[in-house]
Amino acid sequence: MGKIDFVEKELQFLKEEGRYRQIRWIEESPSPWVRMNGERVLLLCSNNYLGLANDPRLKEGALRAIEEWGCGSGGSRSISGSLAIHRLLEERLACFHGCEAALLFNSGYSANLSILTSLMGEGDVIFSDEFNHASIVDGCRLSKASIQIYHHLDVNHLEVLLEENRERRKKMIVTDGIFSMDGDVAPLSDIVQLAKRYESLTMVDEAHAIGVFGSNGRGVLEHFQLSHEVDIHMGTFGKALGSFGAYVAGRRSLIDYLVNKGRVFLYTTALPPSVSASILAGLEILDREPERRERLWENVNYLRKGLNQLGFDTMQSQAHIIPLLIGEPKLTMEMDRRLFERRIFVQGIRPPTVPEGKCRLRVTVMATHTREDLNFALEKFERVGKELGLIS
């Protein structure tokens, strides 16, 4: 038996179970329609919610920054990689959230790992929603703190766990704001009240909410008017803001602590200046063009209503992420395949990303989709759904 044979066996098992993943290549920028395998297909699984990823103003900002700053930062932030454009962006983000300070990271994953592993440790306890993002799960595990998993969105269960761990040295409640596979919203008002009662830190991952939720696109904390009630805001730029990277916003002391203790921050090369410039452009557009959010929500509500009327189960989605519950992996991927044949690209989602028996298509729309695009999609969903017996 060869040393690598276990890899082949595992891959074969994944294929038999309908869980084998293959990379699918998009051959141009993420627009409502894209070219894949030489064909034009309607893109309905992108996180480019506001359609900013290929906006000319983001491109212009990036190109100007390359001319002025070059292509790379040249080092980690703790050595020579902290550039003036990073400071400008961090100041802009602090203002954006009404916080004292902010700190850039290269991804939401690295931000969550850095926050959780630097703030929490042995003897501490983290309370985490069972459907939190993998980056939160991994950050909790690496922190070496005790991990208490509460039932999804269940504040009563959370309170039971808080009471059982009342005497722990440090406590933190961490949750996604918008859950990336279900499209539901964390009960943040109740969580904040529990955190006050039990003297717990609070951390909210706003990756899918920034630019979409709130009267000014500041996320679910703005939506619930809790922006100053939560200790740690984490947001990303690779979704509604159309660029790349992430940030943490909060008190100045929190940011200074992460600069000194955050291993992921300390040992990662800083974001390229062109990325920082494109983010600044995206933030400017977000403030100047609120109609983008309005168009996005119009599209979301129209498509979700149409899918529900056809008989699809969109679960408890309240957001711009619309899950179509299928159940089994093979049937999910068959629907994925048949839709693609009809020029609709919607990715099937299977375990471990979602629980067993909860496989689904994860449908997302953009502000730049037209009503004609959505009607085209609904027609194809209806046809394939009936072929597979998912709807009558």
Protein backbone atom coordinates (compact mmCIF):
# COMPACT_ATOMS: atom_id res chain seq x y z
CA MET A 1 0.00 0.00 0.00
CA GLY A 2 1.40 3.37 -1.02
CA LYS A 3 1.71 6.22 1.46
CA ILE A 4 -0.72 8.37 -0.51
CA ASP A 5 -3.34 5.68 -1.24
CA PHE A 6 -5.63 6.99 1.50
CA VAL A 7 -6.08 10.16 -0.58
CA GLU A 8 -7.40 8.21 -3.57
CA LYS A 9 -9.74 6.20 -1.33
CA GLU A 10 -11.14 9.32 0.29
CA LEU A 11 -11.70 10.99 -3.08
CA GLN A 12 -13.52 7.92 -4.34
CA PHE A 13 -15.72 7.93 -1.23
CA LEU A 14 -16.57 11.61 -1.81
CA LYS A 15 -17.56 10.85 -5.41
CA GLU A 16 -19.80 7.97 -4.36
CA GLU A 17 -21.52 10.14 -1.73
CA GLY A 18 -22.09 13.05 -4.11
CA ARG A 19 -19.72 15.29 -2.11
CA TYR A 20 -16.81 15.54 -4.53
CA ARG A 21 -15.92 19.14 -5.34
CA GLN A 22 -14.39 20.46 -8.52
CA ILE A 23 -13.25 23.99 -9.23
CA ARG A 24 -15.49 25.82 -11.71
CA TRP A 25 -13.85 28.58 -13.71
CA ILE A 26 -15.42 31.95 -14.47
CA GLU A 27 -13.64 33.53 -17.40
CA GLU A 28 -14.39 37.22 -16.72
CA SER A 29 -15.28 39.61 -13.91
CA PRO A 30 -18.27 38.69 -11.69
CA SER A 31 -21.12 40.42 -13.53
CA PRO A 32 -24.78 39.34 -13.71
CA TRP A 33 -23.87 37.30 -16.80
CA VAL A 34 -20.45 35.65 -17.09
CA ARG A 35 -18.66 33.33 -19.47
CA MET A 36 -18.02 29.77 -18.30
CA ASN A 37 -16.80 26.99 -20.57
CA GLY A 38 -17.25 29.41 -23.44
CA GLU A 39 -20.97 29.90 -22.67
CA ARG A 40 -22.81 32.89 -21.24
CA VAL A 41 -24.53 31.97 -17.96
CA LEU A 42 -26.54 33.90 -15.39
CA LEU A 43 -24.49 34.19 -12.19
CA LEU A 44 -26.70 33.59 -9.14
CA CYS A 45 -24.20 32.54 -6.48
CA SER A 46 -21.82 35.50 -6.18
CA ASN A 47 -21.21 37.55 -3.04
CA ASN A 48 -20.72 40.64 -5.22
CA TYR A 49 -24.01 41.88 -3.81
CA LEU A 50 -23.83 45.52 -4.89
CA GLY A 51 -22.11 44.82 -8.21
CA LEU A 52 -19.00 46.78 -7.20
CA ALA A 53 -16.32 44.18 -8.03
CA ASN A 54 -15.99 45.42 -11.59
CA ASP A 55 -17.02 49.05 -11.04
CA PRO A 56 -14.73 51.42 -13.02
CA ARG A 57 -14.17 53.62 -9.96
CA LEU A 58 -12.71 50.74 -7.95
CA LYS A 59 -10.45 49.88 -10.88
CA GLU A 60 -9.32 53.49 -11.23
CA GLY A 61 -8.51 53.71 -7.53
CA ALA A 62 -6.46 50.53 -7.68
CA LEU A 63 -4.55 51.65 -10.80
CA ARG A 64 -3.69 55.03 -9.28
CA ALA A 65 -2.43 53.31 -6.14
CA ILE A 66 -0.23 50.97 -8.19
CA GLU A 67 1.30 53.97 -9.96
CA GLU A 68 1.97 55.73 -6.65
CA TRP A 69 2.73 52.84 -4.30
CA GLY A 70 3.65 49.86 -6.46
CA CYS A 71 2.12 46.38 -6.31
CA GLY A 72 3.05 45.06 -2.87
CA SER A 73 3.36 46.37 0.68
CA GLY A 74 6.80 44.84 1.18
CA GLY A 75 6.33 43.39 4.63
CA SER A 76 4.11 42.62 7.58
CA ARG A 77 2.40 45.51 9.33
CA SER A 78 4.65 45.08 12.36
CA ILE A 79 7.83 45.64 10.33
CA SER A 80 7.79 47.71 7.13
CA GLY A 81 4.38 46.94 5.64
CA SER A 82 2.33 49.68 7.31
CA LEU A 83 1.73 52.27 4.61
CA ALA A 84 0.02 55.63 4.90
CA ILE A 85 -2.84 54.35 2.72
CA HIS A 86 -3.50 51.63 5.32
CA ARG A 87 -3.76 54.29 8.02
CA LEU A 88 -6.13 56.31 5.84
CA LEU A 89 -8.38 53.29 5.34
CA GLU A 90 -8.36 52.34 9.03
CA GLU A 91 -9.31 55.89 9.99
CA ARG A 92 -12.10 55.78 7.41
CA LEU A 93 -13.39 52.48 8.83
CA ALA A 94 -13.38 53.80 12.40
CA CYS A 95 -15.46 56.75 11.20
CA PHE A 96 -17.68 54.36 9.18
CA HIS A 97 -18.66 52.51 12.38
CA GLY A 98 -18.40 55.39 14.82
CA CYS A 99 -15.65 53.52 16.70
CA GLU A 100 -12.38 54.73 18.15
CA ALA A 101 -10.17 52.65 15.85
CA ALA A 102 -10.00 49.87 13.27
CA LEU A 103 -7.41 47.36 12.04
CA LEU A 104 -7.01 45.75 8.61
CA PHE A 105 -6.65 42.03 7.97
CA ASN A 106 -6.10 40.05 4.79
CA SER A 107 -9.32 38.03 5.11
CA GLY A 108 -12.25 37.43 7.40
CA TYR A 109 -10.73 34.08 8.25
CA SER A 110 -7.48 35.64 9.43
CA ALA A 111 -9.33 38.36 11.33
CA ASN A 112 -11.47 35.87 13.25
CA LEU A 113 -8.50 33.65 14.06
CA SER A 114 -6.50 36.61 15.29
CA ILE A 115 -9.31 38.02 17.45
CA LEU A 116 -10.29 34.77 19.12
CA THR A 117 -6.81 33.38 19.71
CA SER A 118 -5.42 36.61 21.13
CA LEU A 119 -8.34 37.61 23.36
CA MET A 120 -9.34 34.20 24.71
CA GLY A 121 -7.32 31.35 26.21
CA GLU A 122 -7.20 28.56 28.77
CA GLY A 123 -9.63 29.16 31.61
CA ASP A 124 -11.88 31.35 29.45
CA VAL A 125 -15.12 30.38 27.72
CA ILE A 126 -16.53 31.22 24.28
CA PHE A 127 -20.25 30.87 23.49
CA SER A 128 -20.67 30.20 19.78
CA ASP A 129 -23.78 29.72 17.63
CA GLU A 130 -23.81 26.20 16.18
CA PHE A 131 -23.97 27.55 12.61
CA ASN A 132 -21.16 30.10 12.92
CA HIS A 133 -18.69 30.34 10.05
CA ALA A 134 -15.78 27.89 9.90
CA SER A 135 -13.32 30.71 10.67
CA ILE A 136 -15.06 31.30 14.00
CA VAL A 137 -15.14 27.57 14.71
CA ASP A 138 -11.41 27.26 14.02
CA GLY A 139 -10.58 30.40 15.98
CA CYS A 140 -12.45 29.03 18.99
CA ARG A 141 -10.58 25.72 18.79
CA LEU A 142 -7.17 27.35 18.44
CA SER A 143 -7.80 29.72 21.35
CA LYS A 144 -7.73 26.77 23.81
CA ALA A 145 -10.69 28.32 25.63
CA SER A 146 -13.65 26.19 26.64
CA ILE A 147 -16.21 26.22 23.81
CA GLN A 148 -19.93 26.22 24.56
CA ILE A 149 -22.06 25.72 21.44
CA TYR A 150 -25.59 27.07 21.72
CA HIS A 151 -28.47 25.98 19.47
CA HIS A 152 -28.85 28.11 16.37
CA LEU A 153 -30.39 31.51 17.26
CA ASP A 154 -31.58 30.07 20.59
CA VAL A 155 -31.05 32.75 23.25
CA ASN A 156 -32.72 30.61 25.90
CA HIS A 157 -30.10 27.90 25.43
CA LEU A 158 -27.40 30.58 25.38
CA GLU A 159 -28.60 31.89 28.74
CA VAL A 160 -28.52 28.39 30.25
CA LEU A 161 -24.88 28.03 29.16
CA LEU A 162 -23.99 31.50 30.43
CA GLU A 163 -25.48 30.67 33.82
CA GLU A 164 -23.55 27.38 33.98
CA ASN A 165 -20.31 29.24 33.25
CA ARG A 166 -20.98 32.37 35.28
CA GLU A 167 -17.76 32.03 37.29
CA ARG A 168 -15.39 31.73 34.32
CA ARG A 169 -12.55 34.24 34.16
CA LYS A 170 -13.43 35.74 30.76
CA LYS A 171 -16.50 35.14 28.63
CA MET A 172 -17.25 35.97 25.01
CA ILE A 173 -20.38 35.50 22.89
CA VAL A 174 -19.56 35.29 19.20
CA THR A 175 -22.00 35.11 16.32
CA ASP A 176 -22.39 35.74 12.64
CA GLY A 177 -24.67 38.69 11.98
CA ILE A 178 -26.07 37.13 8.81
CA PHE A 179 -25.58 33.39 8.51
CA SER A 180 -23.96 32.72 5.16
CA MET A 181 -25.78 29.49 4.26
CA ASP A 182 -29.21 30.03 5.81
CA GLY A 183 -29.67 33.76 5.25
CA ASP A 184 -31.13 34.26 8.71
CA VAL A 185 -30.26 37.01 11.18
CA ALA A 186 -28.78 36.71 14.68
CA PRO A 187 -31.05 37.90 17.57
CA LEU A 188 -28.55 40.58 18.50
CA SER A 189 -30.76 42.63 20.80
CA ASP A 190 -31.29 39.63 23.05
CA ILE A 191 -27.61 38.64 22.84
CA VAL A 192 -26.51 42.12 23.89
CA GLN A 193 -28.85 42.03 26.90
CA LEU A 194 -27.51 38.64 27.97
CA ALA A 195 -23.92 39.83 27.54
CA LYS A 196 -24.59 42.76 29.89
CA ARG A 197 -26.25 40.53 32.45
CA TYR A 198 -23.43 37.99 32.47
CA GLU A 199 -20.54 40.44 31.90
CA SER A 200 -19.53 38.83 28.62
CA LEU A 201 -17.67 40.28 25.67
CA THR A 202 -19.60 40.32 22.40
CA MET A 203 -18.23 39.78 18.89
CA VAL A 204 -20.25 39.97 15.66
CA ASP A 205 -19.02 38.81 12.26
CA GLU A 206 -20.67 41.20 9.79
CA ALA A 207 -19.09 39.69 6.67
CA HIS A 208 -22.37 39.29 4.76
CA ALA A 209 -24.12 42.31 6.26
CA ILE A 210 -21.72 45.19 5.55
CA GLY A 211 -23.01 47.23 2.63
CA VAL A 212 -26.40 45.49 2.68
CA PHE A 213 -28.09 45.87 6.09
CA GLY A 214 -28.69 49.07 8.02
CA SER A 215 -30.00 52.45 6.94
CA ASN A 216 -26.49 53.39 5.77
CA GLY A 217 -25.14 49.94 4.93
CA ARG A 218 -23.20 49.58 8.19
CA GLY A 219 -24.56 46.09 8.87
CA VAL A 220 -26.94 44.33 11.24
CA LEU A 221 -25.66 46.25 14.25
CA GLU A 222 -26.81 49.47 12.59
CA HIS A 223 -30.03 47.72 11.54
CA PHE A 224 -30.80 46.91 15.20
CA GLN A 225 -29.35 50.22 16.44
CA LEU A 226 -26.71 48.40 18.46
CA SER A 227 -23.55 49.80 16.90
CA HIS A 228 -22.22 51.01 20.27
CA GLU A 229 -23.41 48.01 22.29
CA VAL A 230 -21.06 45.37 20.85
CA ASP A 231 -17.37 45.11 21.75
CA ILE A 232 -15.93 43.69 18.53
CA HIS A 233 -17.10 44.39 14.98
CA MET A 234 -15.61 42.24 12.21
CA GLY A 235 -16.37 43.04 8.59
CA THR A 236 -15.06 42.10 5.16
CA PHE A 237 -14.48 43.83 1.84
CA GLY A 238 -14.75 40.84 -0.50
CA LYS A 239 -18.54 40.77 -0.67
CA ALA A 240 -20.76 43.85 -0.98
CA LEU A 241 -17.76 46.19 -1.14
CA GLY A 242 -16.36 44.37 -4.16
CA SER A 243 -12.71 44.08 -3.13
CA PHE A 244 -10.68 41.91 -0.73
CA GLY A 245 -9.65 41.74 2.92
CA ALA A 246 -11.27 42.38 6.30
CA TYR A 247 -11.14 44.56 9.39
CA VAL A 248 -11.90 44.78 13.08
CA ALA A 249 -13.41 47.90 14.62
CA GLY A 250 -13.83 48.81 18.28
CA ARG A 251 -12.09 50.61 21.12
CA ARG A 252 -8.56 51.91 20.67
CA SER A 253 -7.33 49.61 23.42
CA LEU A 254 -8.76 46.58 21.58
CA ILE A 255 -6.96 47.54 18.37
CA ASP A 256 -3.70 48.20 20.21
CA TYR A 257 -4.03 44.80 21.88
CA LEU A 258 -4.50 43.03 18.53
CA VAL A 259 -1.50 44.86 17.08
CA ASN A 260 0.61 43.49 19.91
CA LYS A 261 -0.94 40.06 20.47
CA GLY A 262 -2.64 39.02 17.22
CA ARG A 263 -0.38 36.36 15.72
CA VAL A 264 -2.13 36.29 12.35
CA PHE A 265 -1.81 40.07 12.10
CA LEU A 266 1.83 40.05 13.19
CA TYR A 267 2.99 37.35 10.79
CA THR A 268 1.13 38.23 7.59
CA THR A 269 2.27 40.51 4.77
CA ALA A 270 0.08 43.61 4.64
CA LEU A 271 -2.62 44.18 2.04
CA PRO A 272 -1.36 45.59 -1.28
CA PRO A 273 -1.95 49.35 -1.56
CA SER A 274 -4.10 48.85 -4.66
CA VAL A 275 -6.55 46.77 -2.60
CA SER A 276 -6.76 49.47 0.07
CA ALA A 277 -7.47 52.07 -2.61
CA SER A 278 -10.25 50.01 -4.17
CA ILE A 279 -11.83 49.57 -0.71
CA LEU A 280 -11.78 53.33 -0.15
CA ALA A 281 -13.52 53.80 -3.49
CA GLY A 282 -16.12 51.18 -2.57
CA LEU A 283 -16.87 52.88 0.75
CA GLU A 284 -17.33 56.18 -1.06
CA ILE A 285 -19.81 54.64 -3.51
CA LEU A 286 -21.68 52.95 -0.68
CA ASP A 287 -22.34 56.32 0.94
CA ARG A 288 -23.10 58.19 -2.29
CA GLU A 289 -25.37 55.61 -3.92
CA PRO A 290 -27.88 54.18 -1.42
CA GLU A 291 -30.03 53.23 -4.41
CA ARG A 292 -27.73 50.25 -4.94
CA ARG A 293 -28.95 48.71 -1.68
CA GLU A 294 -32.52 49.54 -2.61
CA ARG A 295 -32.17 47.77 -5.98
CA LEU A 296 -30.55 44.76 -4.28
CA TRP A 297 -33.46 44.39 -1.84
CA GLU A 298 -36.00 44.79 -4.65
CA ASN A 299 -34.28 41.96 -6.51
CA VAL A 300 -34.02 39.78 -3.40
CA ASN A 301 -37.68 40.17 -2.50
CA TYR A 302 -38.83 39.56 -6.07
CA LEU A 303 -36.79 36.41 -6.53
CA ARG A 304 -37.58 34.93 -3.10
CA LYS A 305 -41.31 35.55 -3.61
CA GLY A 306 -41.15 33.90 -7.03
CA LEU A 307 -39.31 30.85 -5.71
CA ASN A 308 -41.76 30.47 -2.82
CA GLN A 309 -44.72 30.73 -5.18
CA LEU A 310 -43.22 27.93 -7.26
CA GLY A 311 -43.17 25.76 -4.14
CA PHE A 312 -39.48 25.80 -3.20
CA ASP A 313 -38.44 25.78 0.47
CA THR A 314 -36.31 28.87 1.10
CA MET A 315 -36.06 28.02 4.81
CA GLN A 316 -36.13 30.99 7.22
CA SER A 317 -34.11 33.35 5.06
CA GLN A 318 -34.53 37.01 5.96
CA ALA A 319 -31.57 38.28 4.02
CA HIS A 320 -30.12 38.51 0.52
CA ILE A 321 -28.95 34.89 0.78
CA ILE A 322 -31.74 32.58 -0.39
CA PRO A 323 -31.24 28.87 0.33
CA LEU A 324 -33.24 26.35 -1.72
CA LEU A 325 -33.46 23.30 0.51
CA ILE A 326 -33.05 20.04 -1.45
CA GLY A 327 -31.88 17.55 1.20
CA GLU A 328 -29.59 14.93 -0.31
CA PRO A 329 -26.23 15.70 -1.98
CA LYS A 330 -26.73 13.78 -5.23
CA LEU A 331 -30.11 15.35 -5.93
CA THR A 332 -28.70 18.78 -5.05
CA MET A 333 -25.84 18.41 -7.52
CA GLU A 334 -28.18 17.06 -10.19
CA MET A 335 -30.26 20.21 -9.90
CA ASP A 336 -27.05 22.26 -10.00
CA ARG A 337 -26.03 20.43 -13.20
CA ARG A 338 -29.37 20.76 -14.95
CA LEU A 339 -29.64 24.44 -14.15
CA PHE A 340 -26.15 24.98 -15.53
CA GLU A 341 -27.18 23.24 -18.75
CA ARG A 342 -29.91 25.89 -18.97
CA ARG A 343 -27.42 28.72 -18.40
CA ILE A 344 -27.98 29.28 -14.66
CA PHE A 345 -24.96 29.02 -12.37
CA VAL A 346 -26.05 28.27 -8.79
CA GLN A 347 -23.67 26.25 -6.67
CA GLY A 348 -24.89 23.22 -4.74
CA ILE A 349 -23.86 23.25 -1.07
CA ARG A 350 -23.19 19.97 0.78
CA PRO A 351 -21.65 18.80 4.08
CA PRO A 352 -19.47 19.79 5.82
CA THR A 353 -20.54 23.30 4.83
CA VAL A 354 -24.13 22.51 5.86
CA PRO A 355 -25.54 19.75 8.14
CA GLU A 356 -26.40 16.27 6.92
CA GLY A 357 -29.75 16.19 5.16
CA LYS A 358 -29.70 19.96 4.63
CA CYS A 359 -28.03 20.17 1.21
CA ARG A 360 -29.20 23.13 -0.81
CA LEU A 361 -28.63 25.55 -3.61
CA ARG A 362 -27.38 28.87 -2.25
CA VAL A 363 -28.96 31.57 -4.39
CA THR A 364 -27.71 35.15 -4.24
CA VAL A 365 -28.61 38.11 -6.40
CA MET A 366 -26.88 41.38 -7.17
CA ALA A 367 -28.12 44.93 -7.39
CA THR A 368 -27.09 44.82 -11.05
CA HIS A 369 -29.40 41.95 -12.03
CA THR A 370 -32.38 43.07 -14.11
CA ARG A 371 -35.98 41.96 -13.79
CA GLU A 372 -35.52 40.10 -17.08
CA ASP A 373 -32.58 38.21 -15.56
CA LEU A 374 -34.68 37.13 -12.58
CA ASN A 375 -37.65 36.08 -14.72
CA PHE A 376 -35.28 34.01 -16.86
CA ALA A 377 -33.99 32.36 -13.68
CA LEU A 378 -37.47 31.64 -12.30
CA GLU A 379 -38.48 29.96 -15.55
CA LYS A 380 -35.45 27.64 -15.39
CA PHE A 381 -35.92 26.89 -11.69
CA GLU A 382 -39.51 25.92 -12.37
CA ARG A 383 -38.61 23.63 -15.25
CA VAL A 384 -35.79 21.83 -13.44
CA GLY A 385 -37.70 21.66 -10.17
CA LYS A 386 -40.57 19.87 -11.89
CA GLU A 387 -38.23 17.52 -13.78
CA LEU A 388 -36.71 16.39 -10.48
CA GLY A 389 -40.00 16.22 -8.60
CA LEU A 390 -39.03 18.97 -6.17
CA ILE A 391 -42.11 21.03 -6.99
CA SER A 392 -45.44 20.03 -8.51
